[in-house]
Structure formats: C-alpha cells, structure tokens
Amino acid sequence: MSLNFDPSADFANALDGTESVALRRRGAEPGSSETVVAHALRRNATVREAGIRNRGNTWKDVPSGGHYTAGNAVWHLPVEELPEAPMLGDLIVDADAAHWTILEVHRAAMQTRWRCLTRNLAIAYGLDDTVAILRAVYAKGTAGAVEPTWRTWKTGVRARIQPAAVDVDTEHRTRQAQARFQIFLEEDVALDHTHLIRGPDGAIYQVRSTNGTERIDELQTIDATLRSTLP
C-alpha cells in the first residue's frame, strides 16, 4: 500500500510530531477500503503496556526472544479525522507499510482522540524469514491417476521458522525420527493438505495443522514437517 502524501502536510506533521497513516478494517484486503488519518501521533509503549491481556485477563508476553517491546506502540488518532471508532483487530498502516494491529481502544485527550494500543506482530515475533506458499493443482497423469502439480501460490510472505519437536515412530521395527517445525506467518492464510511452504533455503515443509487465526494478538502458526523433495 502507498499513501498519497502532500509534501506541505508532511512538513507540518514533522513540526507537530504527527504522521499520516491508513486505518484498514479487520479482514479487509490490502488496497480495499481504507481511511487516511493525516495527523496520527505515535509513541513507544511502556513495558507494562507491551504485556497485552489475554482471554484469561492475565498479562501475556510474546515468545519472541526479546523483540516484543519494540513491536508495541500507542497510537493517538484524532476523532475529527476518524469519527467511527477503531475496532479491535483493525490495522494501522504507517508510511513504511508496517502493520500495527489494534489490541485496545480508549477515548482520550478530552474525548478528541482514539488511544489505540497496538502491536506490530512482524516485529514482535521476529519474522526474519521470507517464505513462499505452494498449492496443489490436480490433474490426471500419464497412468490415468489424479496427481498433484505444485505451483507457487504466494511469495514474499514474512515468516519465522523454528524447530518444535522430534517425533519418533516406535510402531515399526526401524525407529524413525521426524522433525516438526513451527512456522509463524505475518498474514492469515487458509491452508490445508493441498499447500506446502518453501523456506528461504529451498526446504519444503508439509502443513500438518494451523492455529491462531482467531486471535488478534497472535500470528497464525503452522505445525509442519520437513519434506525431502516435492512429491
């Protein structure tokens, strides 16, 4: 997404510390209906604010190796420019196209601003990798059986891949170990057995299950196993 900036407005914003952002409603596709807020004010979140409450009303830190405080910010959006209140899960998109998910909203500054506690999930979870998602297209092969052809479906998806566990198969005479991985994705993607994930090093991961799409303060997490080659 690119915002249409007015150079004179940029200069004025620099003087008063504000910046121009876009508010994207939860679930909306990039480039769809967005509201430009020309005078948004950003400040760093405190450590206390960075611990977002979860459903059990307890303070929760992101398992990110120390990234989480940098991934939180408090935004103030003028009510005059945004009469309709932001909702939980809406995105604030800044001029660098960084996405800040709104986790709490309060009316502040004499009811003139929406105070939004936000998290940049890509920073908070340390998404330092870029992956591609492959999707199977089924067609009859030379022998008449339906066979999949794997085609690139999405590219440039920010992600983080980390080892999760090693499963040992003890039901057969030859013990076999299979490594499992957790893959965090910046964007929610509908994945099932017809999808594979290709890592930045070319490694192919089979999707076992997904979770986290129902939470606004967490990234979609893929439980995956490593494949040696494409089928």
Protein backbone atom coordinates (compact mmCIF):
# COMPACT_ATOMS: atom_id res chain seq x y z
CA MET A 1 0.00 0.00 0.00
CA SER A 2 1.24 3.52 -0.73
CA LEU A 3 -0.30 6.61 0.80
CA ASN A 4 -0.63 9.81 -1.24
CA PHE A 5 1.36 12.27 0.85
CA ASP A 6 1.16 16.03 0.49
CA PRO A 7 4.71 17.45 0.93
CA SER A 8 3.37 20.51 2.74
CA ALA A 9 1.38 18.26 5.07
CA ASP A 10 4.48 16.15 5.69
CA PHE A 11 6.39 19.27 6.73
CA ALA A 12 3.59 20.35 9.05
CA ASN A 13 3.38 16.88 10.54
CA ALA A 14 7.11 16.86 11.22
CA LEU A 15 6.72 20.05 13.24
CA ASP A 16 3.97 18.72 15.49
CA GLY A 17 5.22 15.12 15.65
CA THR A 18 2.27 13.60 13.81
CA GLU A 19 2.29 11.38 10.71
CA SER A 20 -0.12 10.20 8.06
CA VAL A 21 -1.39 6.61 8.33
CA ALA A 22 -4.21 4.49 6.97
CA LEU A 23 -6.76 2.56 9.02
CA ARG A 24 -7.71 -0.79 7.48
CA ARG A 25 -10.65 -2.64 8.98
CA ARG A 26 -10.12 -6.16 10.24
CA GLY A 27 -10.34 -8.76 7.48
CA ALA A 28 -10.23 -6.22 4.64
CA GLU A 29 -7.96 -6.99 1.70
CA PRO A 30 -4.92 -4.74 1.12
CA GLY A 31 -5.82 -1.86 -1.16
CA SER A 32 -9.51 -2.07 -0.30
CA SER A 33 -11.45 0.49 1.70
CA GLU A 34 -9.03 2.37 3.97
CA THR A 35 -9.34 5.61 5.89
CA VAL A 36 -6.41 8.02 5.76
CA VAL A 37 -5.68 9.70 9.09
CA ALA A 38 -3.41 12.63 8.35
CA HIS A 39 -2.42 13.56 11.90
CA ALA A 40 -1.77 10.34 13.80
CA LEU A 41 0.53 10.54 16.80
CA ARG A 42 2.74 7.58 17.73
CA ARG A 43 4.64 6.90 20.94
CA ASN A 44 6.51 3.89 22.28
CA ALA A 45 4.61 1.54 24.54
CA THR A 46 5.78 1.00 28.10
CA VAL A 47 6.82 -2.46 29.26
CA ARG A 48 3.53 -2.70 31.14
CA GLU A 49 1.53 -1.79 28.04
CA ALA A 50 3.52 -4.31 25.98
CA GLY A 51 2.08 -7.14 28.09
CA ILE A 52 -1.30 -7.46 26.42
CA ARG A 53 -4.12 -9.09 28.35
CA ASN A 54 -5.25 -12.43 27.00
CA ARG A 55 -8.66 -14.09 27.34
CA GLY A 56 -7.87 -15.16 30.90
CA ASN A 57 -7.31 -11.49 31.79
CA THR A 58 -3.65 -12.15 32.55
CA TRP A 59 -0.71 -10.25 31.16
CA LYS A 60 0.91 -12.13 28.30
CA ASP A 61 4.34 -11.61 26.75
CA VAL A 62 5.16 -12.65 23.19
CA PRO A 63 7.64 -15.60 22.91
CA SER A 64 9.97 -13.67 20.63
CA GLY A 65 13.41 -13.68 22.19
CA GLY A 66 13.15 -10.09 23.42
CA HIS A 67 11.61 -8.49 20.33
CA TYR A 68 8.20 -7.77 21.82
CA THR A 69 8.72 -4.36 23.41
CA ALA A 70 9.95 -2.90 20.11
CA GLY A 71 6.87 -4.35 18.45
CA ASN A 72 4.39 -2.34 20.52
CA ALA A 73 3.24 1.26 20.12
CA VAL A 74 0.46 3.54 21.27
CA TRP A 75 -1.26 5.50 18.51
CA HIS A 76 -3.48 8.55 19.00
CA LEU A 77 -5.95 9.09 16.15
CA PRO A 78 -7.99 12.34 16.01
CA VAL A 79 -11.74 11.78 16.32
CA GLU A 80 -12.20 14.67 13.89
CA GLU A 81 -10.48 12.64 11.16
CA LEU A 82 -11.87 9.27 12.27
CA PRO A 83 -15.41 9.72 13.65
CA GLU A 84 -16.14 5.98 13.69
CA ALA A 85 -14.22 4.26 16.47
CA PRO A 86 -11.42 1.85 15.54
CA MET A 87 -12.23 -1.75 16.35
CA LEU A 88 -10.10 -4.46 17.89
CA GLY A 89 -8.18 -6.22 15.13
CA ASP A 90 -8.16 -3.23 12.78
CA LEU A 91 -4.79 -2.33 11.28
CA ILE A 92 -2.94 0.96 11.34
CA VAL A 93 -0.64 1.03 8.29
CA ASP A 94 2.17 3.57 8.50
CA ALA A 95 4.16 5.20 5.70
CA ASP A 96 6.66 2.31 5.72
CA ALA A 97 3.77 -0.14 5.17
CA ALA A 98 4.26 -1.58 8.66
CA HIS A 99 1.07 -3.09 10.07
CA TRP A 100 0.05 -2.27 13.65
CA THR A 101 -2.80 -4.43 14.97
CA ILE A 102 -5.13 -2.63 17.36
CA LEU A 103 -5.48 -4.57 20.62
CA GLU A 104 -7.12 -1.97 22.86
CA VAL A 105 -9.04 1.24 22.15
CA HIS A 106 -9.91 4.08 24.53
CA ARG A 107 -11.14 7.62 24.04
CA ALA A 108 -8.62 10.11 25.41
CA ALA A 109 -7.44 13.73 25.37
CA MET A 110 -10.78 15.30 26.28
CA GLN A 111 -12.59 12.81 24.04
CA THR A 112 -10.77 14.20 20.97
CA ARG A 113 -8.53 11.22 20.21
CA TRP A 114 -8.76 7.46 19.98
CA ARG A 115 -5.94 5.97 22.06
CA CYS A 116 -5.01 2.66 20.43
CA LEU A 117 -2.63 0.16 21.96
CA THR A 118 -1.12 -1.72 19.02
CA ARG A 119 1.32 -4.46 18.17
CA ASN A 120 3.44 -4.91 15.06
CA LEU A 121 3.29 -8.68 15.00
CA ALA A 122 6.05 -8.97 12.40
CA ILE A 123 8.49 -7.26 14.79
CA ALA A 124 7.12 -8.81 17.96
CA TYR A 125 7.56 -12.34 16.65
CA GLY A 126 10.90 -11.68 14.94
CA LEU A 127 9.77 -12.52 11.41
CA ASP A 128 13.18 -12.53 9.74
CA ASP A 129 12.46 -15.09 7.00
CA THR A 130 10.54 -14.84 3.74
CA VAL A 131 8.68 -17.93 2.52
CA ALA A 132 6.60 -18.98 -0.46
CA ILE A 133 3.40 -21.00 -0.32
CA LEU A 134 2.76 -23.70 -2.90
CA ARG A 135 -0.68 -25.02 -3.82
CA ALA A 136 -1.51 -28.34 -5.45
CA VAL A 137 -3.30 -28.39 -8.79
CA TYR A 138 -4.73 -31.83 -9.50
CA ALA A 139 -4.91 -33.41 -12.95
CA LYS A 140 -4.76 -36.89 -14.46
CA GLY A 141 -1.25 -38.18 -15.03
CA THR A 142 0.05 -40.40 -17.81
CA ALA A 143 -1.20 -43.50 -16.00
CA GLY A 144 -4.69 -42.05 -15.62
CA ALA A 145 -4.45 -41.40 -11.89
CA VAL A 146 -5.09 -37.94 -10.47
CA GLU A 147 -1.75 -36.42 -9.46
CA PRO A 148 -0.82 -33.06 -7.92
CA THR A 149 1.34 -30.44 -9.59
CA TRP A 150 2.73 -27.97 -7.08
CA ARG A 151 2.61 -24.35 -8.17
CA THR A 152 3.70 -21.20 -6.40
CA TRP A 153 0.64 -19.50 -4.93
CA LYS A 154 2.05 -16.73 -2.71
CA THR A 155 5.55 -15.31 -2.46
CA GLY A 156 7.29 -12.89 -0.15
CA VAL A 157 5.31 -13.86 2.95
CA ARG A 158 7.18 -12.75 6.05
CA ALA A 159 7.65 -15.65 8.42
CA ARG A 160 9.68 -17.24 11.17
CA ILE A 161 10.62 -20.93 11.10
CA GLN A 162 11.77 -22.64 14.28
CA PRO A 163 12.24 -26.26 15.35
CA ALA A 164 9.44 -27.50 17.59
CA ALA A 165 9.98 -31.19 18.42
CA VAL A 166 11.14 -34.53 17.09
CA ASP A 167 8.60 -37.36 16.80
CA VAL A 168 9.92 -40.92 16.99
CA ASP A 169 7.94 -43.67 15.28
CA THR A 170 8.07 -46.71 17.60
CA GLU A 171 5.38 -48.78 15.87
CA HIS A 172 7.75 -50.24 13.29
CA ARG A 173 10.89 -52.31 13.66
CA THR A 174 13.01 -49.46 12.31
CA ARG A 175 12.76 -46.44 14.57
CA GLN A 176 12.33 -43.28 12.53
CA ALA A 177 12.58 -39.71 13.76
CA GLN A 178 10.67 -36.88 12.12
CA ALA A 179 11.41 -33.25 12.94
CA ARG A 180 8.49 -30.88 13.46
CA PHE A 181 8.60 -27.12 13.00
CA GLN A 182 6.54 -24.11 13.95
CA ILE A 183 6.12 -21.54 11.19
CA PHE A 184 4.74 -18.11 12.12
CA LEU A 185 3.18 -16.16 9.23
CA GLU A 186 2.61 -12.41 9.12
CA GLU A 187 -0.73 -12.79 7.34
CA ASP A 188 -3.56 -15.26 7.90
CA VAL A 189 -3.74 -17.74 5.04
CA ALA A 190 -6.29 -20.53 4.60
CA LEU A 191 -4.02 -23.59 4.50
CA ASP A 192 -4.71 -27.32 4.36
CA HIS A 193 -3.16 -30.52 2.99
CA THR A 194 -3.11 -29.03 -0.52
CA HIS A 195 -0.45 -26.49 0.48
CA LEU A 196 3.28 -26.66 1.09
CA ILE A 197 5.63 -23.99 2.44
CA ARG A 198 9.02 -23.36 0.84
CA GLY A 199 11.59 -21.82 3.14
CA PRO A 200 14.23 -19.23 2.15
CA ASP A 201 16.79 -22.03 1.78
CA GLY A 202 14.51 -24.03 -0.52
CA ALA A 203 13.42 -26.51 2.16
CA ILE A 204 9.87 -27.81 1.71
CA TYR A 205 7.50 -28.09 4.69
CA GLN A 206 4.30 -30.13 4.81
CA VAL A 207 1.39 -28.46 6.62
CA ARG A 208 0.06 -30.60 9.48
CA SER A 209 -2.25 -28.11 11.18
CA THR A 210 -2.75 -24.38 11.75
CA ASN A 211 -3.93 -22.28 14.65
CA GLY A 212 -4.02 -18.70 15.91
CA THR A 213 -6.20 -17.18 13.19
CA GLU A 214 -8.98 -16.46 15.69
CA ARG A 215 -6.73 -14.29 17.89
CA ILE A 216 -5.94 -10.67 17.05
CA ASP A 217 -2.84 -10.60 19.28
CA GLU A 218 -1.19 -13.69 17.82
CA LEU A 219 0.13 -14.75 14.44
CA GLN A 220 -1.09 -17.71 12.50
CA THR A 221 1.09 -20.65 13.49
CA ILE A 222 1.72 -23.66 11.24
CA ASP A 223 2.64 -27.07 12.62
CA ALA A 224 4.77 -28.56 9.84
CA THR A 225 7.16 -31.36 8.98
CA LEU A 226 10.14 -31.23 6.66
CA ARG A 227 9.90 -32.97 3.31
CA SER A 228 12.95 -34.14 1.42
CA THR A 229 11.57 -33.26 -2.03
CA LEU A 230 8.37 -32.24 -3.74
CA PRO A 231 6.03 -35.21 -4.33
